[in-house]
Amino acid sequence: MERHSKIYVAGHRGLVGSAIVRRMIEEGYTKIIHRTHTEMDLEDQRAVFGFFETERPEYVFLAAAKVGGILANDTFPADFIRSNLAIQCNVIEAAYRYGVTKLMFLGSSCIYPKHAPQPIKEEHLLSGYLEPTNQPYAVAKIAGIEMCRAYNRQYGTNFISVMPTNLYGPGDNFDLESSHVLPALIRKFHDAKQRNDEVVQVWGTGRVRREFLYVDDMADACMFLMTRHSGSGIINIGCGEDISIGELASLVRDVVGYPGRIAYDTTKPDGTTRKLLDVTQLHAAGWRARTPLRDGIERTYAAYLQHNGPARPADKIGASSADRMVASAGPN
């Protein structure tokens, strides 16, 4: 992939897609193409095929997806499986039809079985039952992986699949009804600090463990693998370390500067007990994460403050919604 190659980033406004675009601009790539949802609906096959026929991208990062935390996945399962299947089918087929040199499909660590051995190796895919709260989303992502494998086998394409762990960073979704656990915690503690609340509630027991990777590290790994990795075997992307939700909540509280206490709502689901990716393949290839978790949370909170302004009165930050909602230990 050369600096002058024509590269399409699907989902360039999302958390990962925007980080990939930032990274490519920093490295001097000059032909990055993208479209907003208004300009092209990736669920519309005719629109996607027309775009590929006109633009003829040489490389594709398929980072577009409908994503959300445990609450969103559990509330809108049909939306998650339908939208993601449509996006994947359209972009992968278009990449084949219009001669894309290489495509990277971004999956999710939720593709692995609920009770997979820890840390989770790539070979554990399809070895057991999925986590029920996000099964429709996981099935869609598994279908994307299998599509890439099938196209490589039947048509000789060069479509690769990577499985990121839980991601966070600037550009994240901080909406309490649809966000993942880390940005939800940042929002919860920030809002509680502004309202002088005495307590912040967190879903579940706080004992489940999750792995978190800073999104700019993810973008770096994607660039690394796009230029060095080929084949139908999936590859995990993570930092190789995990943390309990309780420890994470305390860390976020410290970064935000919230002086109150944390309470756990044990009537709400925890999700998978532990989800740590085995990154042996990635380390063997020569890549390792560089951003410590606290540093990444500090950067993410600084970006949140920059885009959401200084402290605001509770009636301007959705106090009633914030009071109803709790941060989930989301499936992704």
Protein backbone atom coordinates (compact mmCIF):
# COMPACT_ATOMS: atom_id res chain seq x y z
CA MET A 1 0.00 0.00 0.00
CA GLU A 2 1.79 3.10 -1.27
CA ARG A 3 1.35 6.73 -0.22
CA HIS A 4 -0.38 7.41 -3.55
CA SER A 5 -2.67 4.35 -3.41
CA LYS A 6 -6.39 5.07 -3.53
CA ILE A 7 -7.77 4.01 -0.15
CA TYR A 8 -11.41 3.88 0.93
CA VAL A 9 -12.21 4.03 4.66
CA ALA A 10 -15.77 2.85 5.25
CA GLY A 11 -16.95 4.36 8.52
CA HIS A 12 -14.51 7.27 8.52
CA ARG A 13 -16.54 9.19 11.11
CA GLY A 14 -16.59 6.32 13.58
CA LEU A 15 -14.16 5.69 16.40
CA VAL A 16 -11.82 3.39 14.46
CA GLY A 17 -12.33 4.82 10.99
CA SER A 18 -11.52 8.35 12.07
CA ALA A 19 -8.36 7.13 13.83
CA ILE A 20 -7.25 5.29 10.68
CA VAL A 21 -7.80 8.43 8.61
CA ARG A 22 -5.81 10.50 11.11
CA ARG A 23 -2.97 8.01 10.99
CA MET A 24 -2.85 7.91 7.18
CA ILE A 25 -2.84 11.69 6.93
CA GLU A 26 0.06 11.81 9.41
CA GLU A 27 1.96 9.30 7.27
CA GLY A 28 1.41 11.24 4.06
CA TYR A 29 -1.22 9.18 2.24
CA THR A 30 -2.73 11.47 -0.39
CA LYS A 31 -5.71 9.60 -1.87
CA ILE A 32 -8.01 8.80 1.02
CA ILE A 33 -11.66 8.61 -0.01
CA HIS A 34 -14.79 8.34 2.12
CA ARG A 35 -18.48 9.13 2.16
CA THR A 36 -20.84 10.19 4.94
CA HIS A 37 -24.02 8.21 5.55
CA THR A 38 -25.99 11.01 3.90
CA GLU A 39 -23.83 10.76 0.79
CA MET A 40 -23.94 6.96 0.62
CA ASP A 41 -25.97 4.48 2.66
CA LEU A 42 -23.83 1.35 2.93
CA GLU A 43 -26.99 -0.72 3.33
CA ASP A 44 -28.03 0.35 -0.19
CA GLN A 45 -26.40 -2.10 -2.60
CA ARG A 46 -26.97 0.03 -5.68
CA ALA A 47 -25.34 3.05 -4.04
CA VAL A 48 -22.34 1.03 -2.87
CA PHE A 49 -21.77 -0.61 -6.25
CA GLY A 50 -22.08 2.76 -7.97
CA PHE A 51 -19.49 4.25 -5.65
CA PHE A 52 -17.00 1.45 -6.24
CA GLU A 53 -17.54 1.54 -10.01
CA THR A 54 -16.86 5.29 -10.08
CA GLU A 55 -14.06 5.58 -7.52
CA ARG A 56 -12.25 2.25 -8.02
CA PRO A 57 -10.47 2.14 -4.64
CA GLU A 58 -7.39 -0.06 -4.46
CA TYR A 59 -7.53 -0.69 -0.71
CA VAL A 60 -10.49 -0.79 1.69
CA PHE A 61 -10.74 -0.55 5.46
CA LEU A 62 -14.20 -1.87 6.34
CA ALA A 63 -14.62 -0.12 9.69
CA ALA A 64 -18.29 0.77 9.21
CA ALA A 65 -20.72 -1.04 11.52
CA LYS A 66 -23.73 -0.57 13.73
CA VAL A 67 -22.32 -0.88 17.24
CA GLY A 68 -23.45 -0.34 20.81
CA GLY A 69 -23.19 -1.52 24.38
CA ILE A 70 -25.06 -4.25 26.21
CA LEU A 71 -28.27 -2.20 26.52
CA ALA A 72 -28.41 -1.28 22.83
CA ASN A 73 -27.61 -4.83 21.70
CA ASP A 74 -30.25 -6.31 23.97
CA THR A 75 -32.90 -3.75 22.96
CA PHE A 76 -32.41 -3.69 19.18
CA PRO A 77 -31.14 -7.15 18.16
CA ALA A 78 -32.86 -7.12 14.76
CA ASP A 79 -31.32 -3.76 13.86
CA PHE A 80 -27.83 -4.97 14.76
CA ILE A 81 -27.91 -8.17 12.71
CA ARG A 82 -29.73 -6.65 9.71
CA SER A 83 -27.63 -3.52 9.36
CA ASN A 84 -24.28 -5.23 9.82
CA LEU A 85 -25.06 -8.06 7.43
CA ALA A 86 -26.19 -5.57 4.78
CA ILE A 87 -23.09 -3.37 5.14
CA GLN A 88 -20.71 -6.31 4.98
CA CYS A 89 -22.40 -8.03 2.05
CA ASN A 90 -22.45 -4.85 -0.02
CA VAL A 91 -18.90 -3.69 0.61
CA ILE A 92 -17.22 -7.11 0.38
CA GLU A 93 -19.05 -8.00 -2.84
CA ALA A 94 -18.26 -4.59 -4.33
CA ALA A 95 -14.59 -4.99 -3.41
CA TYR A 96 -14.52 -8.26 -5.33
CA ARG A 97 -16.51 -7.01 -8.33
CA TYR A 98 -14.42 -3.88 -8.81
CA GLY A 99 -10.98 -5.37 -8.29
CA VAL A 100 -9.90 -4.08 -4.86
CA THR A 101 -6.31 -5.15 -4.21
CA LYS A 102 -6.80 -5.70 -0.48
CA LEU A 103 -9.61 -5.31 2.05
CA MET A 104 -9.43 -5.33 5.84
CA PHE A 105 -12.59 -6.38 7.66
CA LEU A 106 -12.83 -5.25 11.28
CA GLY A 107 -14.67 -7.74 13.44
CA SER A 108 -15.07 -7.74 17.20
CA SER A 109 -13.92 -9.76 20.18
CA CYS A 110 -17.59 -10.59 20.87
CA ILE A 111 -17.42 -13.18 18.08
CA TYR A 112 -15.84 -15.61 20.51
CA PRO A 113 -17.81 -18.05 22.69
CA LYS A 114 -19.11 -16.83 26.05
CA HIS A 115 -17.05 -19.43 27.89
CA ALA A 116 -13.96 -19.47 25.67
CA PRO A 117 -10.67 -20.29 27.42
CA GLN A 118 -8.76 -17.19 28.54
CA PRO A 119 -6.90 -15.53 26.96
CA ILE A 120 -8.91 -16.15 23.80
CA LYS A 121 -7.00 -17.55 20.84
CA GLU A 122 -8.10 -17.08 17.24
CA GLU A 123 -8.70 -20.84 17.00
CA HIS A 124 -11.52 -20.59 19.57
CA LEU A 125 -13.87 -19.06 17.01
CA LEU A 126 -17.07 -21.16 16.61
CA SER A 127 -16.03 -23.52 19.42
CA GLY A 128 -19.00 -22.77 21.72
CA TYR A 129 -22.12 -20.75 22.47
CA LEU A 130 -22.09 -16.96 22.17
CA GLU A 131 -23.00 -14.39 24.83
CA PRO A 132 -26.83 -14.13 24.46
CA THR A 133 -27.04 -10.35 24.99
CA ASN A 134 -25.09 -9.61 21.81
CA GLN A 135 -25.51 -12.79 19.78
CA PRO A 136 -27.17 -11.15 16.73
CA TYR A 137 -24.28 -8.66 16.37
CA ALA A 138 -21.71 -11.41 16.87
CA VAL A 139 -23.35 -13.65 14.27
CA ALA A 140 -23.23 -10.81 11.75
CA LYS A 141 -19.52 -10.26 12.41
CA ILE A 142 -18.81 -13.98 12.12
CA ALA A 143 -20.60 -13.94 8.76
CA GLY A 144 -18.27 -11.15 7.63
CA ILE A 145 -15.22 -13.20 8.57
CA GLU A 146 -16.58 -16.21 6.71
CA MET A 147 -17.38 -14.07 3.67
CA CYS A 148 -13.77 -12.89 3.49
CA ARG A 149 -12.53 -16.48 3.79
CA ALA A 150 -14.97 -17.73 1.17
CA TYR A 151 -14.12 -14.99 -1.34
CA ASN A 152 -10.41 -15.64 -0.86
CA ARG A 153 -10.95 -19.34 -1.47
CA GLN A 154 -13.30 -19.05 -4.43
CA TYR A 155 -12.09 -15.88 -6.13
CA GLY A 156 -8.48 -15.51 -5.00
CA THR A 157 -9.10 -12.16 -3.30
CA ASN A 158 -6.88 -10.74 -0.56
CA PHE A 159 -9.41 -9.97 2.17
CA ILE A 160 -8.11 -10.09 5.74
CA SER A 161 -10.00 -10.03 9.06
CA VAL A 162 -8.85 -8.54 12.35
CA MET A 163 -10.55 -8.86 15.74
CA PRO A 164 -10.08 -5.82 17.99
CA THR A 165 -10.68 -5.92 21.71
CA ASN A 166 -12.75 -3.19 23.45
CA LEU A 167 -11.71 0.16 21.98
CA TYR A 168 -11.93 3.67 23.35
CA GLY A 169 -10.56 7.12 22.63
CA PRO A 170 -11.32 10.51 21.05
CA GLY A 171 -14.41 10.38 18.88
CA ASP A 172 -16.08 7.73 21.02
CA ASN A 173 -19.83 7.53 21.60
CA PHE A 174 -20.73 8.97 25.00
CA ASP A 175 -24.49 8.53 24.73
CA LEU A 176 -25.65 6.65 27.82
CA GLU A 177 -28.23 4.60 25.97
CA SER A 178 -25.90 3.21 23.30
CA SER A 179 -22.28 3.58 24.41
CA HIS A 180 -19.80 0.99 25.59
CA VAL A 181 -18.66 0.79 29.18
CA LEU A 182 -15.60 3.06 29.22
CA PRO A 183 -17.11 6.14 27.50
CA ALA A 184 -20.33 5.54 29.46
CA LEU A 185 -18.36 5.68 32.71
CA ILE A 186 -16.64 8.90 31.64
CA ARG A 187 -20.00 10.48 30.88
CA LYS A 188 -21.60 9.20 34.09
CA PHE A 189 -18.83 10.47 36.35
CA HIS A 190 -18.57 13.78 34.52
CA ASP A 191 -22.30 14.46 34.75
CA ALA A 192 -22.40 13.37 38.38
CA LYS A 193 -19.52 15.71 39.17
CA GLN A 194 -21.35 18.67 37.62
CA ARG A 195 -24.54 17.87 39.56
CA ASN A 196 -22.71 17.14 42.82
CA ASP A 197 -24.32 13.68 42.98
CA GLU A 198 -23.25 11.56 45.92
CA VAL A 199 -23.27 8.25 44.06
CA VAL A 200 -22.88 6.84 40.56
CA GLN A 201 -24.47 3.51 39.68
CA VAL A 202 -22.72 0.97 37.47
CA TRP A 203 -24.39 -2.07 35.97
CA GLY A 204 -23.51 -5.50 37.31
CA THR A 205 -21.19 -6.65 40.05
CA GLY A 206 -18.03 -4.86 38.92
CA ARG A 207 -16.16 -8.17 38.99
CA VAL A 208 -16.19 -9.04 35.29
CA ARG A 209 -12.98 -8.29 33.45
CA ARG A 210 -12.39 -6.51 30.15
CA GLU A 211 -9.44 -5.55 27.98
CA PHE A 212 -9.21 -2.02 26.56
CA LEU A 213 -7.13 -0.70 23.66
CA TYR A 214 -6.64 2.98 22.84
CA VAL A 215 -8.05 3.67 19.39
CA ASP A 216 -4.89 5.30 17.98
CA ASP A 217 -3.03 2.11 18.88
CA MET A 218 -5.74 0.22 17.00
CA ALA A 219 -5.21 2.42 13.93
CA ASP A 220 -1.48 1.79 14.14
CA ALA A 221 -2.08 -1.97 14.28
CA CYS A 222 -4.44 -1.77 11.28
CA MET A 223 -1.84 0.05 9.21
CA PHE A 224 0.81 -2.42 10.31
CA LEU A 225 -1.27 -5.46 9.34
CA MET A 226 -2.62 -3.97 6.11
CA THR A 227 0.94 -3.69 4.81
CA ARG A 228 2.35 -6.91 6.31
CA HIS A 229 -0.39 -9.52 6.84
CA SER A 230 -2.26 -11.65 4.33
CA GLY A 231 -4.29 -14.85 4.45
CA SER A 232 -7.72 -16.01 5.61
CA GLY A 233 -6.75 -16.59 9.21
CA ILE A 234 -8.12 -14.00 11.61
CA ILE A 235 -5.78 -12.07 13.91
CA ASN A 236 -6.56 -10.56 17.30
CA ILE A 237 -5.68 -6.96 18.13
CA GLY A 238 -5.35 -6.06 21.79
CA CYS A 239 -2.95 -5.04 24.52
CA GLY A 240 -2.78 -8.40 26.27
CA GLU A 241 -3.95 -7.10 29.68
CA ASP A 242 -7.37 -6.80 31.29
CA ILE A 243 -8.96 -5.03 34.25
CA SER A 244 -12.13 -5.56 36.31
CA ILE A 245 -15.03 -3.19 35.71
CA GLY A 246 -14.77 -2.16 39.35
CA GLU A 247 -11.10 -1.23 38.93
CA LEU A 248 -11.93 0.58 35.71
CA ALA A 249 -14.72 2.56 37.37
CA SER A 250 -12.36 3.66 40.14
CA LEU A 251 -9.74 4.67 37.58
CA VAL A 252 -12.22 6.71 35.52
CA ARG A 253 -13.57 8.34 38.68
CA ASP A 254 -10.03 9.39 39.57
CA VAL A 255 -9.30 10.79 36.11
CA VAL A 256 -12.57 12.74 36.00
CA GLY A 257 -12.10 13.98 39.55
CA TYR A 258 -15.48 12.82 40.86
CA PRO A 259 -15.44 12.77 44.70
CA GLY A 260 -18.53 10.59 45.27
CA ARG A 261 -18.92 6.87 45.68
CA ILE A 262 -19.70 4.02 43.29
CA ALA A 263 -22.65 1.65 43.71
CA TYR A 264 -23.21 -1.53 41.70
CA ASP A 265 -26.65 -2.54 40.46
CA THR A 266 -26.40 -6.33 40.67
CA THR A 267 -29.88 -6.74 39.18
CA LYS A 268 -28.40 -5.77 35.82
CA PRO A 269 -26.40 -8.21 33.64
CA ASP A 270 -22.63 -8.44 33.71
CA GLY A 271 -22.20 -10.03 30.31
CA THR A 272 -19.28 -12.39 29.73
CA THR A 273 -17.24 -13.03 32.88
CA ARG A 274 -13.91 -12.31 31.23
CA LYS A 275 -12.80 -11.38 27.73
CA LEU A 276 -9.06 -11.13 27.15
CA LEU A 277 -7.61 -11.69 23.69
CA ASP A 278 -4.51 -13.77 23.10
CA VAL A 279 -2.24 -11.49 21.04
CA THR A 280 0.61 -13.95 20.51
CA GLN A 281 0.24 -13.77 16.72
CA LEU A 282 0.28 -9.99 16.75
CA HIS A 283 3.36 -9.82 18.97
CA ALA A 284 5.12 -12.40 16.83
CA ALA A 285 4.43 -10.25 13.77
CA GLY A 286 6.20 -7.36 15.49
CA TRP A 287 3.44 -5.10 16.87
CA ARG A 288 2.61 -4.16 20.48
CA ALA A 289 0.27 -1.59 22.04
CA ARG A 290 1.98 1.53 23.38
CA THR A 291 -0.63 3.57 25.30
CA PRO A 292 -1.11 2.81 29.03
CA LEU A 293 -4.77 2.67 30.08
CA ARG A 294 -4.67 5.70 32.39
CA ASP A 295 -2.95 7.82 29.71
CA GLY A 296 -5.58 6.79 27.19
CA ILE A 297 -8.45 7.61 29.55
CA GLU A 298 -6.93 11.03 30.29
CA ARG A 299 -6.67 11.78 26.56
CA THR A 300 -10.21 10.55 25.98
CA TYR A 301 -11.63 12.69 28.78
CA ALA A 302 -9.72 15.72 27.51
CA ALA A 303 -11.23 15.17 24.05
CA TYR A 304 -14.70 14.80 25.61
CA LEU A 305 -14.32 18.11 27.44
CA GLN A 306 -13.04 19.81 24.28
CA HIS A 307 -16.05 18.74 22.22
CA ASN A 308 -18.69 19.06 24.92
CA GLY A 309 -17.57 22.34 26.45
CA PRO A 310 -17.01 23.29 30.09
CA ALA A 311 -19.23 22.31 32.98
CA ARG A 312 -22.90 22.75 32.17
CA PRO A 313 -25.98 22.93 34.40
CA ALA A 314 -27.74 19.61 34.88
CA ASP A 315 -30.83 20.76 32.98
CA LYS A 316 -28.63 21.20 29.88
CA ILE A 317 -26.92 17.81 30.02
CA GLY A 318 -29.99 15.61 30.17
CA ALA A 319 -30.23 15.13 33.93
CA SER A 320 -33.41 13.07 33.75
CA SER A 321 -31.86 10.69 31.22
CA ALA A 322 -28.63 10.48 33.19
CA ASP A 323 -30.57 9.67 36.35
CA ARG A 324 -32.38 6.81 34.59
CA MET A 325 -29.38 5.29 32.88
CA VAL A 326 -26.41 3.39 34.28
CA ALA A 327 -23.13 2.54 32.62
CA SER A 328 -23.10 -1.00 31.29
CA ALA A 329 -20.25 -3.46 31.07
CA GLY A 330 -21.04 -3.64 27.38
CA PRO A 331 -20.35 -6.70 25.26
CA ASN A 332 -17.78 -5.06 22.99
